[in-house]
Amino acid sequence: MTRTTQQVILFTLLLTADQISKWWIQQPDFHPFVVIDGFFNIVRAYNHGVAFSMFADLPDAWRIYLLLGVTIAIAVAVIFWWIQETKQPGITSWLLVLILAGAAGNIWDRAQLGYVVDFVDWYVRTDTTEYHWPAFNVADACIFIAVVSLLATSFKKS
């Protein structure tokens, strides 16, 4: 099996995991629950914007088409980058697959629903306060892991 075939399989598995998890969260009988008290919950959240709900306050027509357009343009650029990287040894092409799977999952949500479904709620509880990271999903995790890894590997010695 070629590396490209393996990467297409990985893309498919990640996109499927993202969409199945979002489907589950949207079921009428879903109820939020605590996974690790004081640290991690599974919730249902809808992000009408992008990271940290940026642009969520824009009018629907502008927001949906603008965010879809920008995200699709970025995904197309990453596809071209991935095609070039598949010819090179190393981890970069694998990390680009994570970005593409994440982008595809969130593009699918935005095109179908007008928003992105989130469900992972990380937080820290002190005696008096809870500090929550914005809810995210499998697609967001793929993008985050890949971008951080790409940045980390960009500092390696030549």
C-alpha atoms as a PDB file:
ATOM      1  CA  MET A   1       0.000   0.000   0.000  1.00  0.00           C
ATOM      2  CA  THR A   2       1.445   3.362  -0.969  1.00  0.00           C
ATOM      3  CA  ARG A   3       1.921   6.199   1.478  1.00  0.00           C
ATOM      4  CA  THR A   4      -0.651   8.255  -0.432  1.00  0.00           C
ATOM      5  CA  THR A   5      -3.209   5.448  -0.094  1.00  0.00           C
ATOM      6  CA  GLN A   6      -2.482   5.210   3.626  1.00  0.00           C
ATOM      7  CA  GLN A   7      -2.979   8.958   3.958  1.00  0.00           C
ATOM      8  CA  VAL A   8      -6.290   8.840   2.080  1.00  0.00           C
ATOM      9  CA  ILE A   9      -7.417   6.077   4.458  1.00  0.00           C
ATOM     10  CA  LEU A  10      -6.335   8.188   7.466  1.00  0.00           C
ATOM     11  CA  PHE A  11      -8.228  11.184   6.046  1.00  0.00           C
ATOM     12  CA  THR A  12     -11.354   9.040   5.630  1.00  0.00           C
ATOM     13  CA  LEU A  13     -11.111   7.589   9.157  1.00  0.00           C
ATOM     14  CA  LEU A  14     -10.632  11.004  10.778  1.00  0.00           C
ATOM     15  CA  LEU A  15     -13.458  12.604   8.787  1.00  0.00           C
ATOM     16  CA  THR A  16     -15.731   9.675   9.658  1.00  0.00           C
ATOM     17  CA  ALA A  17     -14.860   9.894  13.367  1.00  0.00           C
ATOM     18  CA  ASP A  18     -15.550  13.630  13.301  1.00  0.00           C
ATOM     19  CA  GLN A  19     -18.921  13.294  11.604  1.00  0.00           C
ATOM     20  CA  ILE A  20     -20.096  10.305  13.658  1.00  0.00           C
ATOM     21  CA  SER A  21     -19.198  12.064  16.910  1.00  0.00           C
ATOM     22  CA  LYS A  22     -21.067  15.200  15.802  1.00  0.00           C
ATOM     23  CA  TRP A  23     -24.065  13.117  14.733  1.00  0.00           C
ATOM     24  CA  TRP A  24     -24.150  11.464  18.156  1.00  0.00           C
ATOM     25  CA  ILE A  25     -23.985  14.795  19.978  1.00  0.00           C
ATOM     26  CA  GLN A  26     -26.952  16.117  17.981  1.00  0.00           C
ATOM     27  CA  GLN A  27     -29.275  13.217  18.805  1.00  0.00           C
ATOM     28  CA  PRO A  28     -32.406  14.298  20.692  1.00  0.00           C
ATOM     29  CA  ASP A  29     -31.671  11.895  23.554  1.00  0.00           C
ATOM     30  CA  PHE A  30     -28.092  13.155  24.056  1.00  0.00           C
ATOM     31  CA  HIS A  31     -27.425  14.578  27.507  1.00  0.00           C
ATOM     32  CA  PRO A  32     -24.170  16.340  28.458  1.00  0.00           C
ATOM     33  CA  PHE A  33     -22.045  14.391  30.915  1.00  0.00           C
ATOM     34  CA  VAL A  34     -18.918  14.677  33.027  1.00  0.00           C
ATOM     35  CA  VAL A  35     -15.944  12.585  31.892  1.00  0.00           C
ATOM     36  CA  ILE A  36     -13.414  13.806  34.486  1.00  0.00           C
ATOM     37  CA  ASP A  37     -14.956  16.021  37.168  1.00  0.00           C
ATOM     38  CA  GLY A  38     -13.321  19.428  37.317  1.00  0.00           C
ATOM     39  CA  PHE A  39     -11.555  18.949  33.987  1.00  0.00           C
ATOM     40  CA  PHE A  40     -13.468  17.413  31.058  1.00  0.00           C
ATOM     41  CA  ASN A  41     -17.126  17.219  29.950  1.00  0.00           C
ATOM     42  CA  ILE A  42     -18.951  16.157  26.804  1.00  0.00           C
ATOM     43  CA  VAL A  43     -21.469  18.868  25.889  1.00  0.00           C
ATOM     44  CA  ARG A  44     -23.457  20.093  22.893  1.00  0.00           C
ATOM     45  CA  ALA A  45     -22.327  23.451  21.515  1.00  0.00           C
ATOM     46  CA  TYR A  46     -22.779  25.241  18.218  1.00  0.00           C
ATOM     47  CA  ASN A  47     -20.060  27.534  16.907  1.00  0.00           C
ATOM     48  CA  HIS A  48     -21.448  30.001  14.384  1.00  0.00           C
ATOM     49  CA  GLY A  49     -18.026  31.605  13.949  1.00  0.00           C
ATOM     50  CA  VAL A  50     -14.510  30.215  13.699  1.00  0.00           C
ATOM     51  CA  ALA A  51     -11.888  29.689  16.429  1.00  0.00           C
ATOM     52  CA  PHE A  52     -13.089  31.136  19.740  1.00  0.00           C
ATOM     53  CA  SER A  53     -16.377  32.105  17.970  1.00  0.00           C
ATOM     54  CA  MET A  54     -14.704  34.919  16.021  1.00  0.00           C
ATOM     55  CA  PHE A  55     -17.064  36.433  13.418  1.00  0.00           C
ATOM     56  CA  ALA A  56     -20.110  34.766  15.022  1.00  0.00           C
ATOM     57  CA  ASP A  57     -21.844  38.147  15.237  1.00  0.00           C
ATOM     58  CA  LEU A  58     -21.761  38.789  11.485  1.00  0.00           C
ATOM     59  CA  PRO A  59     -25.105  38.542   9.662  1.00  0.00           C
ATOM     60  CA  ASP A  60     -25.854  34.915   8.701  1.00  0.00           C
ATOM     61  CA  ALA A  61     -25.547  35.319   4.929  1.00  0.00           C
ATOM     62  CA  TRP A  62     -22.206  37.110   5.182  1.00  0.00           C
ATOM     63  CA  ARG A  63     -20.819  34.866   7.873  1.00  0.00           C
ATOM     64  CA  ILE A  64     -21.700  31.524   6.305  1.00  0.00           C
ATOM     65  CA  TYR A  65     -20.459  32.366   2.816  1.00  0.00           C
ATOM     66  CA  LEU A  66     -17.384  34.249   4.011  1.00  0.00           C
ATOM     67  CA  LEU A  67     -16.291  31.492   6.372  1.00  0.00           C
ATOM     68  CA  LEU A  68     -17.053  28.748   3.851  1.00  0.00           C
ATOM     69  CA  GLY A  69     -15.166  30.605   1.138  1.00  0.00           C
ATOM     70  CA  VAL A  70     -12.103  31.296   3.261  1.00  0.00           C
ATOM     71  CA  THR A  71     -12.021  27.765   4.684  1.00  0.00           C
ATOM     72  CA  ILE A  72     -12.393  26.155   1.266  1.00  0.00           C
ATOM     73  CA  ALA A  73      -9.659  28.397  -0.169  1.00  0.00           C
ATOM     74  CA  ILE A  74      -7.309  27.406   2.663  1.00  0.00           C
ATOM     75  CA  ALA A  75      -8.188  23.712   2.175  1.00  0.00           C
ATOM     76  CA  VAL A  76      -7.417  23.957  -1.561  1.00  0.00           C
ATOM     77  CA  ALA A  77      -4.047  25.558  -0.791  1.00  0.00           C
ATOM     78  CA  VAL A  78      -3.309  22.775   1.716  1.00  0.00           C
ATOM     79  CA  ILE A  79      -4.267  20.149  -0.910  1.00  0.00           C
ATOM     80  CA  PHE A  80      -1.650  21.590  -3.286  1.00  0.00           C
ATOM     81  CA  TRP A  81       0.896  21.657  -0.463  1.00  0.00           C
ATOM     82  CA  TRP A  82       0.010  18.048   0.429  1.00  0.00           C
ATOM     83  CA  ILE A  83       0.475  16.933  -3.206  1.00  0.00           C
ATOM     84  CA  GLN A  84       3.981  18.413  -3.168  1.00  0.00           C
ATOM     85  CA  GLU A  85       4.807  16.908   0.226  1.00  0.00           C
ATOM     86  CA  THR A  86       3.720  13.369  -0.751  1.00  0.00           C
ATOM     87  CA  LYS A  87       6.851  13.298  -2.942  1.00  0.00           C
ATOM     88  CA  GLN A  88       9.076  14.108   0.055  1.00  0.00           C
ATOM     89  CA  PRO A  89      10.114  11.917   2.981  1.00  0.00           C
ATOM     90  CA  GLY A  90       9.021  12.997   6.427  1.00  0.00           C
ATOM     91  CA  ILE A  91       5.959  13.709   8.492  1.00  0.00           C
ATOM     92  CA  THR A  92       4.693  16.891   6.823  1.00  0.00           C
ATOM     93  CA  SER A  93       2.330  15.169   4.376  1.00  0.00           C
ATOM     94  CA  TRP A  94       0.789  13.214   7.288  1.00  0.00           C
ATOM     95  CA  LEU A  95       0.218  16.420   9.252  1.00  0.00           C
ATOM     96  CA  LEU A  96      -1.383  18.041   6.209  1.00  0.00           C
ATOM     97  CA  VAL A  97      -3.818  15.105   6.073  1.00  0.00           C
ATOM     98  CA  LEU A  98      -4.891  15.979   9.621  1.00  0.00           C
ATOM     99  CA  ILE A  99      -5.484  19.591   8.587  1.00  0.00           C
ATOM    100  CA  LEU A 100      -7.466  18.489   5.530  1.00  0.00           C
ATOM    101  CA  ALA A 101      -9.604  16.057   7.526  1.00  0.00           C
ATOM    102  CA  GLY A 102     -10.338  18.746  10.102  1.00  0.00           C
ATOM    103  CA  ALA A 103     -11.111  21.336   7.454  1.00  0.00           C
ATOM    104  CA  ALA A 104     -13.397  18.904   5.606  1.00  0.00           C
ATOM    105  CA  GLY A 105     -15.323  18.066   8.788  1.00  0.00           C
ATOM    106  CA  ASN A 106     -15.927  21.694   9.668  1.00  0.00           C
ATOM    107  CA  ILE A 107     -16.674  22.690   6.049  1.00  0.00           C
ATOM    108  CA  TRP A 108     -19.256  19.903   5.938  1.00  0.00           C
ATOM    109  CA  ASP A 109     -20.936  21.205   9.111  1.00  0.00           C
ATOM    110  CA  ARG A 110     -20.938  24.793   7.963  1.00  0.00           C
ATOM    111  CA  ALA A 111     -22.321  23.902   4.500  1.00  0.00           C
ATOM    112  CA  GLN A 112     -25.016  21.592   5.907  1.00  0.00           C
ATOM    113  CA  LEU A 113     -25.948  23.353   9.144  1.00  0.00           C
ATOM    114  CA  GLY A 114     -24.607  26.910   8.945  1.00  0.00           C
ATOM    115  CA  TYR A 115     -22.480  26.309  12.063  1.00  0.00           C
ATOM    116  CA  VAL A 116     -19.977  23.827  13.474  1.00  0.00           C
ATOM    117  CA  VAL A 117     -20.940  21.288  16.130  1.00  0.00           C
ATOM    118  CA  ASP A 118     -18.569  21.214  19.131  1.00  0.00           C
ATOM    119  CA  PHE A 119     -18.655  18.923  22.157  1.00  0.00           C
ATOM    120  CA  VAL A 120     -15.319  18.629  23.980  1.00  0.00           C
ATOM    121  CA  ASP A 121     -15.374  20.920  27.023  1.00  0.00           C
ATOM    122  CA  TRP A 122     -11.992  21.186  28.811  1.00  0.00           C
ATOM    123  CA  TYR A 123     -11.841  23.272  31.948  1.00  0.00           C
ATOM    124  CA  VAL A 124     -10.109  23.782  35.258  1.00  0.00           C
ATOM    125  CA  ARG A 125     -12.079  24.259  38.454  1.00  0.00           C
ATOM    126  CA  THR A 126     -10.685  26.066  41.465  1.00  0.00           C
ATOM    127  CA  ASP A 127     -12.453  26.597  44.779  1.00  0.00           C
ATOM    128  CA  THR A 128     -14.302  29.624  43.408  1.00  0.00           C
ATOM    129  CA  THR A 129     -14.144  29.600  39.614  1.00  0.00           C
ATOM    130  CA  GLU A 130     -14.198  27.430  36.492  1.00  0.00           C
ATOM    131  CA  TYR A 131     -11.966  28.383  33.571  1.00  0.00           C
ATOM    132  CA  HIS A 132     -13.244  26.853  30.314  1.00  0.00           C
ATOM    133  CA  TRP A 133     -11.413  26.424  27.038  1.00  0.00           C
ATOM    134  CA  PRO A 134     -13.868  26.999  24.170  1.00  0.00           C
ATOM    135  CA  ALA A 135     -15.631  23.755  23.216  1.00  0.00           C
ATOM    136  CA  PHE A 136     -14.144  21.954  20.225  1.00  0.00           C
ATOM    137  CA  ASN A 137     -14.525  18.765  18.156  1.00  0.00           C
ATOM    138  CA  VAL A 138     -12.477  16.026  16.475  1.00  0.00           C
ATOM    139  CA  ALA A 139     -11.878  18.219  13.405  1.00  0.00           C
ATOM    140  CA  ASP A 140     -10.560  21.077  15.546  1.00  0.00           C
ATOM    141  CA  ALA A 141      -8.286  18.675  17.438  1.00  0.00           C
ATOM    142  CA  CYS A 142      -6.846  17.354  14.150  1.00  0.00           C
ATOM    143  CA  ILE A 143      -6.115  20.885  12.946  1.00  0.00           C
ATOM    144  CA  PHE A 144      -4.598  21.950  16.272  1.00  0.00           C
ATOM    145  CA  ILE A 145      -2.341  18.901  16.581  1.00  0.00           C
ATOM    146  CA  ALA A 146      -1.155  19.271  12.983  1.00  0.00           C
ATOM    147  CA  VAL A 147      -0.460  23.007  13.156  1.00  0.00           C
ATOM    148  CA  VAL A 148       1.419  22.731  16.457  1.00  0.00           C
ATOM    149  CA  SER A 149       3.430  19.800  15.078  1.00  0.00           C
ATOM    150  CA  LEU A 150       4.211  21.655  11.848  1.00  0.00           C
ATOM    151  CA  LEU A 151       5.410  24.625  13.856  1.00  0.00           C
ATOM    152  CA  ALA A 152       7.510  22.418  16.147  1.00  0.00           C
ATOM    153  CA  THR A 153       9.132  20.570  13.233  1.00  0.00           C
ATOM    154  CA  SER A 154       9.847  23.835  11.413  1.00  0.00           C
ATOM    155  CA  PHE A 155      12.430  24.668  14.108  1.00  0.00           C
ATOM    156  CA  LYS A 156      14.485  21.521  13.550  1.00  0.00           C
ATOM    157  CA  LYS A 157      18.138  21.870  12.596  1.00  0.00           C
ATOM    158  CA  SER A 158      18.909  21.655   8.884  1.00  0.00           C
END
